[in-house]
PDB file of N, CA and C in Angstrom:
ATOM      1  N   MET A   1       9.900  10.393 -33.107  1.00  0.00           N
ATOM      2  CA  MET A   1      10.488   9.814 -31.895  1.00  0.00           C
ATOM      3  C   MET A   1       9.679   8.605 -31.438  1.00  0.00           C
ATOM      4  N   ASP A   2      10.342   7.506 -31.157  1.00  0.00           N
ATOM      5  CA  ASP A   2       9.655   6.301 -30.696  1.00  0.00           C
ATOM      6  C   ASP A   2       9.754   6.233 -29.174  1.00  0.00           C
ATOM      7  N   LEU A   3       8.719   6.725 -28.516  1.00  0.00           N
ATOM      8  CA  LEU A   3       8.731   6.745 -27.049  1.00  0.00           C
ATOM      9  C   LEU A   3       8.747   5.333 -26.469  1.00  0.00           C
ATOM     10  N   GLY A   4       8.089   4.390 -27.149  1.00  0.00           N
ATOM     11  CA  GLY A   4       8.060   3.021 -26.665  1.00  0.00           C
ATOM     12  C   GLY A   4       9.469   2.441 -26.573  1.00  0.00           C
ATOM     13  N   TRP A   5      10.287   2.693 -27.604  1.00  0.00           N
ATOM     14  CA  TRP A   5      11.659   2.183 -27.619  1.00  0.00           C
ATOM     15  C   TRP A   5      12.473   2.842 -26.513  1.00  0.00           C
ATOM     16  N   ASP A   6      12.307   4.153 -26.367  1.00  0.00           N
ATOM     17  CA  ASP A   6      13.048   4.891 -25.340  1.00  0.00           C
ATOM     18  C   ASP A   6      12.690   4.372 -23.954  1.00  0.00           C
ATOM     19  N   LEU A   7      11.411   4.116 -23.734  1.00  0.00           N
ATOM     20  CA  LEU A   7      10.979   3.600 -22.425  1.00  0.00           C
ATOM     21  C   LEU A   7      11.556   2.214 -22.173  1.00  0.00           C
ATOM     22  N   SER A   8      11.598   1.368 -23.200  1.00  0.00           N
ATOM     23  CA  SER A   8      12.126   0.016 -23.033  1.00  0.00           C
ATOM     24  C   SER A   8      13.614   0.068 -22.695  1.00  0.00           C
ATOM     25  N   VAL A   9      14.347   0.962 -23.376  1.00  0.00           N
ATOM     26  CA  VAL A   9      15.781   1.101 -23.105  1.00  0.00           C
ATOM     27  C   VAL A   9      15.992   1.619 -21.692  1.00  0.00           C
ATOM     28  N   HIS A  10      15.184   2.601 -21.280  1.00  0.00           N
ATOM     29  CA  HIS A  10      15.313   3.155 -19.933  1.00  0.00           C
ATOM     30  C   HIS A  10      15.027   2.092 -18.884  1.00  0.00           C
ATOM     31  N   ARG A  11      13.987   1.275 -19.164  1.00  0.00           N
ATOM     32  CA  ARG A  11      13.618   0.219 -18.215  1.00  0.00           C
ATOM     33  C   ARG A  11      14.750  -0.813 -18.108  1.00  0.00           C
ATOM     34  N   GLN A  12      15.341  -1.141 -19.279  1.00  0.00           N
ATOM     35  CA  GLN A  12      16.434  -2.130 -19.281  1.00  0.00           C
ATOM     36  C   GLN A  12      17.642  -1.591 -18.505  1.00  0.00           C
ATOM     37  N   ARG A  13      17.947  -0.288 -18.719  1.00  0.00           N
ATOM     38  CA  ARG A  13      19.080   0.328 -18.026  1.00  0.00           C
ATOM     39  C   ARG A  13      18.820   0.359 -16.523  1.00  0.00           C
ATOM     40  N   LEU A  14      17.571   0.669 -16.146  1.00  0.00           N
ATOM     41  CA  LEU A  14      17.214   0.734 -14.734  1.00  0.00           C
ATOM     42  C   LEU A  14      17.363  -0.648 -14.091  1.00  0.00           C
ATOM     43  N   GLY A  15      16.936  -1.685 -14.809  1.00  0.00           N
ATOM     44  CA  GLY A  15      17.062  -3.047 -14.294  1.00  0.00           C
ATOM     45  C   GLY A  15      18.522  -3.420 -14.113  1.00  0.00           C
ATOM     46  N   TRP A  16      19.391  -2.995 -15.041  1.00  0.00           N
ATOM     47  CA  TRP A  16      20.818  -3.302 -14.953  1.00  0.00           C
ATOM     48  C   TRP A  16      21.435  -2.649 -13.719  1.00  0.00           C
ATOM     49  N   HIS A  17      21.068  -1.369 -13.495  1.00  0.00           N
ATOM     50  CA  HIS A  17      21.585  -0.657 -12.320  1.00  0.00           C
ATOM     51  C   HIS A  17      21.096  -1.337 -11.039  1.00  0.00           C
ATOM     52  N   ARG A  18      19.825  -1.756 -11.048  1.00  0.00           N
ATOM     53  CA  ARG A  18      19.272  -2.420  -9.869  1.00  0.00           C
ATOM     54  C   ARG A  18      20.019  -3.720  -9.592  1.00  0.00           C
ATOM     55  N   GLN A  19      20.374  -4.451 -10.676  1.00  0.00           N
ATOM     56  CA  GLN A  19      21.102  -5.707 -10.517  1.00  0.00           C
ATOM     57  C   GLN A  19      22.489  -5.459  -9.931  1.00  0.00           C
ATOM     58  N   MET A  20      23.177  -4.428 -10.452  1.00  0.00           N
ATOM     59  CA  MET A  20      24.510  -4.082  -9.935  1.00  0.00           C
ATOM     60  C   MET A  20      24.424  -3.674  -8.478  1.00  0.00           C
ATOM     61  N   TYR A  21      23.391  -2.899  -8.134  1.00  0.00           N
ATOM     62  CA  TYR A  21      23.214  -2.431  -6.748  1.00  0.00           C
ATOM     63  C   TYR A  21      22.994  -3.627  -5.816  1.00  0.00           C
ATOM     64  N   SER A  22      22.164  -4.584  -6.253  1.00  0.00           N
ATOM     65  CA  SER A  22      21.874  -5.748  -5.419  1.00  0.00           C
ATOM     66  C   SER A  22      23.144  -6.582  -5.233  1.00  0.00           C
ATOM     67  N   GLN A  23      23.980  -6.671  -6.279  1.00  0.00           N
ATOM     68  CA  GLN A  23      25.227  -7.436  -6.170  1.00  0.00           C
ATOM     69  C   GLN A  23      26.172  -6.757  -5.169  1.00  0.00           C
ATOM     70  N   LEU A  24      26.243  -5.410  -5.228  1.00  0.00           N
ATOM     71  CA  LEU A  24      27.123  -4.681  -4.316  1.00  0.00           C
ATOM     72  C   LEU A  24      26.657  -4.853  -2.869  1.00  0.00           C
ATOM     73  N   MET A  25      25.347  -4.823  -2.661  1.00  0.00           N
ATOM     74  CA  MET A  25      24.809  -4.950  -1.306  1.00  0.00           C
ATOM     75  C   MET A  25      25.002  -6.378  -0.782  1.00  0.00           C
ATOM     76  N   SER A  26      24.879  -7.373  -1.651  1.00  0.00           N
ATOM     77  CA  SER A  26      25.011  -8.764  -1.230  1.00  0.00           C
ATOM     78  C   SER A  26      26.488  -9.142  -1.036  1.00  0.00           C
ATOM     79  N   ASN A  27      27.383  -8.398  -1.720  1.00  0.00           N
ATOM     80  CA  ASN A  27      28.817  -8.688  -1.588  1.00  0.00           C
ATOM     81  C   ASN A  27      29.589  -7.438  -1.164  1.00  0.00           C
ATOM     82  N   PRO A  28      29.505  -7.088   0.146  1.00  0.00           N
ATOM     83  CA  PRO A  28      30.208  -5.905   0.638  1.00  0.00           C
ATOM     84  C   PRO A  28      31.712  -6.149   0.653  1.00  0.00           C
ATOM     85  N   LEU A  29      32.479  -5.115   0.405  1.00  0.00           N
ATOM     86  CA  LEU A  29      33.939  -5.252   0.371  1.00  0.00           C
ATOM     87  C   LEU A  29      34.476  -5.290   1.806  1.00  0.00           C
TER      88      LEU A  29
END
């Protein structure tokens, strides 16, 4: 198991969710 790769993927996914969250907060419906 490559923990380094798993951590990088998790970090990338977390950053994507954070970006989506910031967009939703900056653009309320």
